[in-house]
Protein backbone atom coordinates (compact mmCIF):
# COMPACT_ATOMS: atom_id res chain seq x y z
CA UNK A 1 2.03 -23.20 42.46
CA UNK A 2 2.76 -26.67 42.00
CA UNK A 3 1.13 -29.43 40.98
CA UNK A 4 0.31 -32.61 43.15
CA UNK A 5 -0.95 -36.11 41.94
CA UNK A 6 -3.12 -38.59 44.34
CA UNK A 7 -5.47 -40.76 44.18
CA UNK A 8 -8.77 -42.05 46.04
CA UNK A 9 -6.43 -45.73 47.23
CA UNK A 10 -3.26 -46.63 46.85
CA UNK A 11 -2.50 -48.91 43.21
CA UNK A 12 -5.30 -46.44 41.22
CA UNK A 13 -1.37 -45.75 38.62
CA UNK A 14 -0.50 -42.22 40.19
CA UNK A 15 2.78 -43.74 39.07
CA UNK A 16 2.63 -44.31 36.19
CA UNK A 17 0.39 -41.27 35.40
CA UNK A 18 3.20 -39.02 36.96
CA UNK A 19 6.22 -40.94 35.09
CA UNK A 20 4.05 -40.30 31.88
CA UNK A 21 3.49 -36.49 32.60
CA UNK A 22 7.36 -35.89 33.48
CA UNK A 23 8.20 -37.64 30.35
CA UNK A 24 6.02 -35.69 28.19
CA UNK A 25 6.47 -32.33 29.51
CA UNK A 26 10.22 -33.42 29.31
CA UNK A 27 9.70 -33.85 25.40
CA UNK A 28 8.13 -30.20 25.43
CA UNK A 29 11.63 -29.02 26.87
CA UNK A 30 10.72 -28.25 30.14
CA UNK A 31 13.11 -28.43 32.68
CA UNK A 32 10.58 -31.07 35.01
CA UNK A 33 11.16 -31.54 39.05
CA UNK A 34 9.92 -34.22 40.36
CA UNK A 35 9.19 -35.45 44.54
CA UNK A 36 8.08 -37.89 46.00
CA UNK A 37 5.83 -37.72 49.32
CA UNK A 38 6.99 -40.72 52.20
CA UNK A 39 10.18 -42.69 52.51
CA UNK A 40 10.25 -44.56 49.29
CA UNK A 41 13.61 -45.15 46.83
CA UNK A 42 12.28 -47.51 44.02
CA UNK A 43 9.34 -44.10 42.64
CA UNK A 44 12.15 -41.96 42.93
CA UNK A 45 14.35 -43.89 40.61
CA UNK A 46 11.41 -43.93 38.37
CA UNK A 47 10.74 -40.10 38.23
CA UNK A 48 14.03 -39.01 38.29
CA UNK A 49 14.46 -41.15 35.17
CA UNK A 50 11.55 -39.66 34.01
CA UNK A 51 11.95 -36.25 34.42
CA UNK A 52 15.92 -35.75 34.05
CA UNK A 53 16.52 -34.73 37.13
CA UNK A 54 16.83 -35.79 40.76
CA UNK A 55 13.75 -36.41 42.62
CA UNK A 56 13.24 -35.40 46.33
CA UNK A 57 11.27 -37.55 49.15
CA UNK A 58 9.17 -35.25 51.08
CA UNK A 59 8.48 -37.00 54.71
CA UNK A 60 6.58 -35.85 57.58
CA UNK A 61 7.63 -38.69 59.68
CA UNK A 62 10.95 -37.29 59.19
CA UNK A 63 10.85 -34.09 58.13
CA UNK A 64 9.63 -30.92 60.06
CA UNK A 65 6.89 -28.70 57.95
CA UNK A 66 10.16 -26.11 57.70
CA UNK A 67 12.30 -28.61 56.20
CA UNK A 68 9.67 -29.63 53.62
CA UNK A 69 9.22 -26.40 52.33
CA UNK A 70 12.86 -25.49 52.86
CA UNK A 71 13.85 -28.62 50.41
CA UNK A 72 11.01 -28.19 48.15
CA UNK A 73 11.66 -24.21 47.50
CA UNK A 74 15.22 -24.86 46.75
CA UNK A 75 14.15 -27.65 44.15
CA UNK A 76 11.92 -26.53 41.63
CA UNK A 77 11.59 -26.59 37.89
CA UNK A 78 9.02 -24.92 35.69
CA UNK A 79 7.02 -27.63 35.86
CA UNK A 80 7.15 -29.08 39.50
CA UNK A 81 5.25 -32.40 40.52
CA UNK A 82 4.59 -34.13 43.00
CA UNK A 83 3.87 -37.75 43.22
CA UNK A 84 1.70 -39.04 47.04
CA UNK A 85 1.67 -42.06 48.43
CA UNK A 86 -1.52 -44.47 49.02
CA UNK A 87 -4.64 -42.28 49.21
CA UNK A 88 -5.14 -38.01 49.49
CA UNK A 89 -6.52 -38.69 53.24
CA UNK A 90 -4.85 -41.34 54.00
CA UNK A 91 -1.83 -41.17 57.05
CA UNK A 92 -1.44 -42.16 60.04
CA UNK A 93 -3.36 -40.43 61.90
CA UNK A 94 -7.06 -40.58 62.13
CA UNK A 95 -7.64 -37.07 62.80
CA UNK A 96 -5.10 -36.18 59.61
CA UNK A 97 -1.64 -33.45 59.53
CA UNK A 98 0.52 -36.18 57.98
CA UNK A 99 -1.61 -37.30 55.01
CA UNK A 100 -1.39 -36.01 51.15
CA UNK A 101 -3.90 -33.71 51.41
CA UNK A 102 -1.45 -32.25 54.72
CA UNK A 103 1.31 -31.77 52.19
CA UNK A 104 -0.56 -30.06 49.31
CA UNK A 105 -1.85 -27.86 51.70
CA UNK A 106 1.51 -26.89 53.25
CA UNK A 107 2.92 -26.71 49.58
CA UNK A 108 -0.10 -25.00 48.09
CA UNK A 109 -0.37 -27.46 45.56
CA UNK A 110 -2.81 -28.60 43.06
CA UNK A 111 -4.29 -31.82 43.21
CA UNK A 112 -5.05 -33.95 40.62
CA UNK A 113 -7.30 -37.04 41.31
CA UNK A 114 -6.28 -39.70 39.28
CA UNK A 115 -8.82 -42.38 39.69
CA UNK A 116 -8.99 -45.86 38.82
CA UNK A 117 -12.35 -45.89 36.93
CA UNK A 118 -12.34 -50.33 36.98
CA UNK A 119 -16.18 -51.33 37.59
CA UNK A 120 -17.30 -48.00 38.17
CA UNK A 121 -19.84 -45.62 36.18
CA UNK A 122 -22.15 -42.95 38.00
CA UNK A 123 -20.33 -43.82 41.19
CA UNK A 124 -17.69 -41.63 40.32
CA UNK A 125 -19.70 -38.54 40.99
CA UNK A 126 -20.42 -39.21 44.74
CA UNK A 127 -16.86 -40.22 45.27
CA UNK A 128 -15.78 -37.07 43.67
CA UNK A 129 -18.07 -35.31 45.83
CA UNK A 130 -17.11 -36.53 49.19
CA UNK A 131 -13.23 -36.37 48.23
CA UNK A 132 -14.28 -32.16 47.53
CA UNK A 133 -16.43 -31.56 50.80
CA UNK A 134 -14.20 -34.11 53.22
CA UNK A 135 -11.45 -30.96 53.54
CA UNK A 136 -12.49 -27.52 51.25
CA UNK A 137 -9.03 -26.58 52.21
CA UNK A 138 -7.07 -28.97 49.67
CA UNK A 139 -7.50 -27.98 46.12
CA UNK A 140 -8.27 -30.42 44.41
CA UNK A 141 -8.28 -29.17 40.44
CA UNK A 142 -9.50 -31.71 38.43
CA UNK A 143 -9.65 -35.73 37.99
CA UNK A 144 -7.21 -38.48 35.54
CA UNK A 145 -9.63 -41.13 34.78
CA UNK A 146 -7.73 -44.15 34.71
CA UNK A 147 -8.13 -47.63 33.31
CA UNK A 148 -11.34 -46.83 31.02
CA UNK A 149 -12.28 -49.44 29.39
CA UNK A 150 -13.61 -47.72 26.16
CA UNK A 151 -15.45 -45.06 24.64
CA UNK A 152 -18.78 -45.99 26.08
CA UNK A 153 -16.99 -45.69 29.72
CA UNK A 154 -15.48 -43.09 29.58
CA UNK A 155 -18.54 -41.06 28.15
CA UNK A 156 -20.97 -42.56 31.22
CA UNK A 157 -18.15 -41.35 33.60
CA UNK A 158 -17.78 -37.79 31.93
CA UNK A 159 -21.69 -37.03 31.81
CA UNK A 160 -21.30 -38.22 35.47
CA UNK A 161 -18.60 -35.86 36.65
CA UNK A 162 -20.02 -33.37 34.70
CA UNK A 163 -23.94 -33.47 35.54
CA UNK A 164 -23.08 -34.06 39.58
CA UNK A 165 -19.83 -32.31 40.07
CA UNK A 166 -17.98 -28.74 39.12
CA UNK A 167 -14.94 -30.78 38.71
CA UNK A 168 -12.81 -30.24 35.65
CA UNK A 169 -11.72 -33.59 33.80
CA UNK A 170 -7.61 -33.62 32.77
CA UNK A 171 -8.17 -36.89 30.98
CA UNK A 172 -8.86 -40.54 30.26
CA UNK A 173 -6.56 -43.18 29.85
CA UNK A 174 -7.74 -46.18 28.63
CA UNK A 175 -6.57 -49.72 29.67
CA UNK A 176 -2.96 -50.66 28.22
CA UNK A 177 -0.75 -53.64 28.77
CA UNK A 178 2.03 -51.21 27.86
CA UNK A 179 0.92 -48.70 31.10
CA UNK A 180 1.94 -51.85 33.43
CA UNK A 181 4.95 -52.49 35.44
CA UNK A 182 6.02 -55.54 37.01
CA UNK A 183 5.51 -55.18 40.73
CA UNK A 184 7.44 -56.67 43.35
CA UNK A 185 7.42 -57.07 47.07
CA UNK A 186 8.78 -53.50 47.61
CA UNK A 187 6.58 -52.19 45.08
CA UNK A 188 7.13 -50.63 41.43
CA UNK A 189 10.46 -52.71 40.21
CA UNK A 190 13.01 -50.18 40.54
CA UNK A 191 14.05 -48.65 37.10
CA UNK A 192 17.38 -49.27 37.55
CA UNK A 193 16.74 -52.99 36.84
CA UNK A 194 14.64 -52.62 34.05
CA UNK A 195 16.83 -52.92 30.66
CA UNK A 196 13.75 -51.51 28.96
CA UNK A 197 12.99 -48.64 31.84
CA UNK A 198 13.43 -45.68 29.28
CA UNK A 199 11.60 -47.64 26.03
CA UNK A 200 8.19 -48.14 29.30
CA UNK A 201 9.10 -44.34 29.89
CA UNK A 202 8.73 -43.14 26.80
CA UNK A 203 5.76 -45.24 25.80
CA UNK A 204 3.90 -43.88 28.76
CA UNK A 205 5.11 -40.16 28.19
CA UNK A 206 3.66 -40.77 24.89
CA UNK A 207 0.32 -42.10 25.68
CA UNK A 208 -0.01 -39.53 28.55
CA UNK A 209 0.53 -37.01 26.06
CA UNK A 210 -2.40 -38.55 24.07
CA UNK A 211 -5.06 -39.13 26.40
CA UNK A 212 -4.15 -35.79 28.66
CA UNK A 213 -4.71 -32.60 28.67
CA UNK A 214 -1.35 -31.30 29.29
CA UNK A 215 -2.22 -27.32 28.40
CA UNK A 216 -4.63 -27.50 30.90
CA UNK A 217 -1.98 -28.91 34.01
CA UNK A 218 -0.02 -25.98 32.81
CA UNK A 219 -2.32 -23.84 33.43
CA UNK A 220 -2.46 -24.94 37.00
CA UNK A 221 1.25 -25.27 37.66
CA UNK A 222 1.73 -21.54 37.27
CA UNK A 223 4.54 -21.53 39.40
CA UNK A 224 7.55 -18.90 38.48
CA UNK A 225 11.50 -20.54 38.88
CA UNK A 226 12.89 -19.56 42.12
CA UNK A 227 16.72 -18.78 41.85
CA UNK A 228 17.67 -19.89 44.99
CA UNK A 229 21.45 -19.49 45.59
CA UNK A 230 23.20 -22.56 45.13
CA UNK A 231 25.21 -23.52 48.50
CA UNK A 232 28.95 -22.75 48.52
CA UNK A 233 30.80 -26.04 48.29
CA UNK A 234 33.85 -26.23 50.29
CA UNK A 235 37.27 -28.12 48.76
CA UNK A 236 36.77 -31.86 48.42
CA UNK A 237 39.13 -33.25 50.32
CA UNK A 238 37.93 -36.45 51.39
CA UNK A 239 36.03 -39.36 48.82
CA UNK A 240 33.20 -41.56 49.97
CA UNK A 241 32.22 -44.47 47.62
CA UNK A 242 29.15 -45.21 47.27
CA UNK A 243 27.96 -48.68 45.35
CA UNK A 244 25.04 -47.82 43.06
CA UNK A 245 24.04 -50.77 40.24
CA UNK A 246 21.36 -53.09 39.69
CA UNK A 247 21.86 -54.06 42.79
CA UNK A 248 22.12 -51.10 44.86
CA UNK A 249 20.57 -48.09 44.36
CA UNK A 250 17.93 -46.84 47.12
CA UNK A 251 19.53 -43.24 48.58
CA UNK A 252 17.78 -40.19 49.39
CA UNK A 253 18.74 -37.05 46.90
CA UNK A 254 19.03 -34.78 49.73
CA UNK A 255 21.57 -37.25 51.27
CA UNK A 256 23.56 -37.08 48.70
CA UNK A 257 23.17 -33.59 48.35
CA UNK A 258 24.64 -33.09 51.80
CA UNK A 259 27.43 -35.13 51.35
CA UNK A 260 28.85 -32.58 48.23
CA UNK A 261 27.60 -29.98 50.41
CA UNK A 262 30.05 -30.68 53.07
CA UNK A 263 32.91 -30.79 50.46
CA UNK A 264 32.90 -34.50 50.21
CA UNK A 265 33.79 -35.98 46.59
CA UNK A 266 31.06 -39.19 45.49
CA UNK A 267 32.76 -42.27 43.75
CA UNK A 268 30.09 -44.82 42.31
CA UNK A 269 30.94 -48.02 41.85
CA UNK A 270 29.28 -51.11 40.65
CA UNK A 271 29.28 -54.14 43.00
CA UNK A 272 28.72 -56.47 39.48
CA UNK A 273 31.87 -55.50 37.54
CA UNK A 274 34.46 -53.40 40.05
CA UNK A 275 36.91 -55.41 40.77
CA UNK A 276 38.53 -53.44 43.58
CA UNK A 277 36.73 -50.10 45.34
CA UNK A 278 37.40 -46.81 44.31
CA UNK A 279 40.37 -45.23 45.94
CA UNK A 280 38.07 -43.72 49.20
CA UNK A 281 38.41 -42.84 52.57
CA UNK A 282 35.07 -44.02 53.66
CA UNK A 283 32.34 -46.55 52.51
CA UNK A 284 28.54 -46.01 52.03
CA UNK A 285 26.00 -49.16 50.67
CA UNK A 286 22.47 -48.58 50.77
CA UNK A 287 19.74 -50.60 50.39
CA UNK A 288 18.46 -53.05 47.00
CA UNK A 289 17.57 -55.94 45.96
CA UNK A 290 20.68 -57.62 45.90
CA UNK A 291 18.72 -61.03 46.29
CA UNK A 292 17.73 -60.22 42.48
CA UNK A 293 21.05 -59.89 41.72
CA UNK A 294 23.29 -62.93 44.33
CA UNK A 295 24.88 -64.77 41.08
CA UNK A 296 26.34 -61.86 39.98
CA UNK A 297 27.34 -60.45 43.17
CA UNK A 298 28.83 -63.70 44.71
CA UNK A 299 30.98 -64.15 41.27
CA UNK A 300 32.47 -60.80 42.02
CA UNK A 301 35.16 -62.74 44.26
CA UNK A 302 37.92 -60.03 43.87
CA UNK A 303 35.72 -56.86 45.00
CA UNK A 304 34.11 -58.53 48.05
CA UNK A 305 37.65 -59.41 49.09
CA UNK A 306 38.74 -56.08 49.00
CA UNK A 307 36.10 -54.90 50.62
CA UNK A 308 36.33 -57.49 53.31
CA UNK A 309 39.60 -56.23 53.89
CA UNK A 310 39.64 -52.49 53.85
CA UNK A 311 37.10 -52.75 56.35
CA UNK A 312 38.96 -55.11 58.32
CA UNK A 313 42.01 -52.39 57.74
CA UNK A 314 39.63 -49.92 59.23
CA UNK A 315 37.77 -48.40 56.46
CA UNK A 316 34.64 -46.24 57.73
CA UNK A 317 31.84 -47.69 56.34
CA UNK A 318 28.19 -47.26 56.78
CA UNK A 319 25.48 -49.76 55.27
CA UNK A 320 21.87 -50.03 55.39
CA UNK A 321 19.55 -53.08 54.72
CA UNK A 322 20.82 -54.33 51.18
CA UNK A 323 24.02 -52.92 52.42
CA UNK A 324 24.38 -55.39 55.32
CA UNK A 325 22.77 -58.13 53.40
CA UNK A 326 25.99 -58.13 51.25
CA UNK A 327 28.42 -57.63 53.98
CA UNK A 328 27.01 -60.74 56.05
CA UNK A 329 28.59 -64.38 55.06
CA UNK A 330 25.88 -66.04 53.13
CA UNK A 331 22.46 -65.12 51.65
CA UNK A 332 19.68 -68.00 51.84
CA UNK A 333 17.32 -67.28 49.07
CA UNK A 334 14.78 -70.20 48.03
CA UNK A 335 17.32 -72.71 49.69
CA UNK A 336 20.20 -71.92 48.32
CA UNK A 337 23.50 -69.84 50.27
CA UNK A 338 25.05 -66.88 48.33
CA UNK A 339 28.79 -66.52 49.02
CA UNK A 340 28.58 -62.67 50.17
CA UNK A 341 31.53 -60.54 51.92
CA UNK A 342 31.52 -62.11 55.33
CA UNK A 343 32.27 -59.16 57.53
CA UNK A 344 29.50 -59.56 59.69
CA UNK A 345 29.63 -62.62 61.26
CA UNK A 346 25.92 -63.89 60.01
CA UNK A 347 24.16 -65.41 57.74
CA UNK A 348 20.96 -63.62 55.94
CA UNK A 349 17.45 -65.37 55.21
CA UNK A 350 15.18 -64.30 53.06
CA UNK A 351 11.96 -64.50 53.93
CA UNK A 352 8.37 -64.66 51.46
CA UNK A 353 6.65 -61.84 54.17
CA UNK A 354 8.21 -58.19 55.67
CA UNK A 355 9.78 -58.99 58.73
CA UNK A 356 10.07 -55.24 59.21
CA UNK A 357 7.92 -53.00 57.51
CA UNK A 358 7.26 -49.43 58.21
CA UNK A 359 8.20 -46.42 60.58
CA UNK A 360 10.77 -47.32 63.15
CA UNK A 361 12.12 -45.28 66.12
CA UNK A 362 16.05 -45.69 67.73
CA UNK A 363 17.92 -44.21 70.57
CA UNK A 364 21.35 -44.74 70.36
CA UNK A 365 23.25 -47.05 72.63
CA UNK A 366 26.88 -46.02 74.38
CA UNK A 367 28.63 -48.01 71.81
CA UNK A 368 27.62 -45.99 68.95
CA UNK A 369 31.05 -44.77 67.40
CA UNK A 370 29.55 -41.09 65.67
CA UNK A 371 29.75 -37.91 67.49
CA UNK A 372 26.18 -35.86 67.98
CA UNK A 373 23.95 -38.87 67.28
CA UNK A 374 20.01 -37.42 68.44
CA UNK A 375 18.31 -39.47 70.96
CA UNK A 376 15.39 -39.98 69.15
CA UNK A 377 16.10 -40.91 65.65
CA UNK A 378 12.52 -41.58 63.37
CA UNK A 379 13.23 -43.62 59.91
CA UNK A 380 12.04 -46.52 58.67
CA UNK A 381 12.59 -50.05 57.41
CA UNK A 382 11.52 -52.48 54.52
CA UNK A 383 13.06 -55.37 54.62
CA UNK A 384 12.20 -59.07 53.54
CA UNK A 385 14.78 -61.18 55.33
CA UNK A 386 16.34 -61.13 58.93
CA UNK A 387 20.26 -62.44 60.03
CA UNK A 388 20.69 -65.96 61.46
CA UNK A 389 23.21 -66.97 63.87
CA UNK A 390 24.14 -63.98 64.96
CA UNK A 391 27.45 -64.02 66.69
CA UNK A 392 26.15 -63.46 70.28
CA UNK A 393 29.40 -60.77 70.97
CA UNK A 394 28.17 -58.60 68.06
CA UNK A 395 27.84 -54.91 69.67
CA UNK A 396 25.08 -52.66 68.51
CA UNK A 397 24.39 -48.68 67.93
CA UNK A 398 20.89 -48.80 68.31
CA UNK A 399 18.43 -49.70 70.88
CA UNK A 400 15.19 -50.50 68.64
CA UNK A 401 11.87 -48.25 70.61
CA UNK A 402 9.55 -48.62 67.50
CA UNK A 403 10.16 -51.13 64.43
CA UNK A 404 12.11 -53.96 64.36
CA UNK A 405 15.79 -53.68 63.54
CA UNK A 406 18.27 -56.90 63.64
CA UNK A 407 16.44 -58.75 66.03
CA UNK A 408 13.33 -56.58 67.62
CA UNK A 409 15.43 -54.94 70.37
CA UNK A 410 17.95 -54.03 68.11
CA UNK A 411 20.01 -52.68 65.17
CA UNK A 412 23.04 -51.39 63.97
CA UNK A 413 25.85 -53.96 64.05
CA UNK A 414 29.42 -52.66 65.25
CA UNK A 415 32.12 -54.17 63.72
CA UNK A 416 36.11 -52.38 63.20
CA UNK A 417 34.45 -48.83 62.13
CA UNK A 418 31.38 -50.25 60.29
CA UNK A 419 27.43 -49.43 61.06
CA UNK A 420 25.33 -51.39 59.26
CA UNK A 421 21.66 -51.43 59.82
CA UNK A 422 18.60 -52.55 59.08
CA UNK A 423 17.20 -49.15 59.75
CA UNK A 424 17.32 -45.93 56.57
CA UNK A 425 18.33 -42.95 57.72
CA UNK A 426 17.63 -39.78 56.47
CA UNK A 427 20.04 -36.79 56.73
CA UNK A 428 17.18 -34.07 58.38
CA UNK A 429 15.73 -32.86 61.83
CA UNK A 430 18.55 -33.49 64.28
CA UNK A 431 19.28 -36.76 62.96
CA UNK A 432 22.43 -34.99 60.76
CA UNK A 433 23.73 -38.65 60.44
CA UNK A 434 25.31 -37.85 56.71
CA UNK A 435 27.35 -35.28 58.68
CA UNK A 436 28.02 -37.26 61.59
CA UNK A 437 29.78 -40.45 59.42
CA UNK A 438 31.65 -37.81 57.63
CA UNK A 439 33.13 -36.05 60.81
CA UNK A 440 34.07 -40.14 62.03
CA UNK A 441 36.35 -40.34 58.63
CA UNK A 442 38.20 -37.32 59.91
CA UNK A 443 38.83 -38.84 62.87
CA UNK A 444 40.35 -41.73 61.19
CA UNK A 445 42.11 -40.36 58.75
């Protein structure tokens, strides 16, 4: 069995509690394996740092149930924790099937509800009773009371729960400024961007250890470690350079694993510090927050010149969202223009409201350069920017059936051997994009 951290609604404190639990169990020398439901990039960065192991995403929209359970079973610790998104029963479908509750049932996980107790006392009892009664097949194993005002507040909450329900109370966490992470438009600020992120994680771990009954949670998490055989890795003949730093860090761990399983060496580089690209056969620039590092990015003329030259010379390149923005001519933010790589003939304008937000559905055009691309691609986008002054002769790799992409109709700018898209792909199901990209690289060697 594994533990599934969920809540009644979003912003209840699930992520901070999940981080604290990961850190607390890691401090006890447990092997902690974290998962995150949905297409999120930022929470997994934090969870990876807190647990000491790469965090993996589980997503009903882009993955089949078989793929979810296979990935989950392949990556196990002696503490396995899944952090949900939104509320326990929230999802796209009114009748369910894609909610946290469904994921918990699929993975046979014990749900721990994190309840934001701000402004509530006796009312917590019908709330918990309703969550228990709504779907009896969901194993709600206990509750963690969060943002408790003080001893009197805590006492009233506990009395109500014990009088009206049979739900175990696993902890009560007091309100604390030390348990607040700065928020930004995409949610929690990425851990790779915070110099003090480890201090925050350590602090959260200590506070959670003091205020949550870890032994009770350990008793819930009694799954033994599965001895899954390691995949057979071919000799590494190809090298792909991957941007990973304060500006770019949005990567699915299983996508990166897919490169390795195909015998590809990943060479990470820092767009803020490297003067040239590492020696490579292909380039992958994922998403992130380049708009928060504009001065440092634009100041690194040496690297940008090298990237532009290599792409124009035919280096196979794939860029997503932040990577697309970086490869444009300039990023305009708060009225100021910052020069970027300049391969893509367009400017990026930062906006105050999201332009594209949520799941997308794409179909490839006849211009798509990769072989074996699925006719229907399910993915997601989340961008507070749009392209301006796009060259009207631009070719695109995708038609947008759902979502926004570059211009509400198309996505995936094609130039030289570059494919740059606002959509974040996931290498699952019929969309094995990593393998397609690697095969494309091989054709260009």
